[in-house]
Amino acid sequence: MPPETSRAETALELRGVSKYFGDLAALRKVSVRIERGDTVLVYGPNGAGKTTLLRTLATLARPSEGQVFFAGQDLHQNAAAGRAAMGFVSHATFLYGELTARENLRFTSRLFGLREPVKRIEAVLELFSLRERADEPVRGLSRGLQQRVTLARALLHDPTFLLLDEPFTGLDAASRENLESLLRRLPEQGKAVVFSTHDFDQGVSLSRRLVAMEAGRIRYDGPLNLAPLASLHIAPAR
């Protein structure tokens, strides 16, 4: 069970958020609240707003309208504390290709001012089976290995909220199984996992809550076992 803490102390929340790119509305009056211990599948067709939702929660996209809150405060006025509590994985790795995996992690550890950075770096390298390739330039690694480095970086500072946009991209079968196992364990440690995936069956196996999106709006937000899948045009998991 997640540790008991005040809802206000732990919530990451969007309130009435819209995001426009020119005339395109990527999000339309979206409100969603994430608590510690949540496991949330964000699902919808291409262009539904999934990536923009995750980027907005992660402070990488500023709302055109509405507010983002963390621990009861406007996140953009409390950005350092909010970002320290989050780990984010995007479609792009945003790794420094000329640096090794270890050097990328070392750089991130400095940004977060981690205590015992060597210990944390070694722990995440081990977690994602990267030790043997840790001292090679990232640009020479396969897409799957780069994704594992990206995941290691997201977990390096032990975040409370893990925001993952298609985290299984490029991973081989063994790495997918390892990540699935990790995502099942994290909520038991009081962490929140919010992720998108194109594989609905996989998402169902890892989540308790569904946020279904279409055209920038949330069409359903609630327990997966109560979701009206037919009306959302989602095939039930087999």
Foldseek 3Di string as FASTA:
>chain_A
DEDDDDQLQFKKWWAQFWADDVPAILAGGEIDIFGFLAEEEEDEDPSQNQQVVLCVSLVNGPTPDTFIDHSNDGCVVVVLVSNLQEFEADPDLPFDQQFFLLVSLVVLCVVNVDDPLVVLSVVLCVLQVNPVRRHPGNNPDFPQSSLSSSVSSSPSSPHQEYEYEASCPPHDPVNVVSVLVVLQCRSVHRHYYYYYHNDVLSSVVRHQWYQYGGSNYTPDTGGPVPDPQVVSVHDDHD
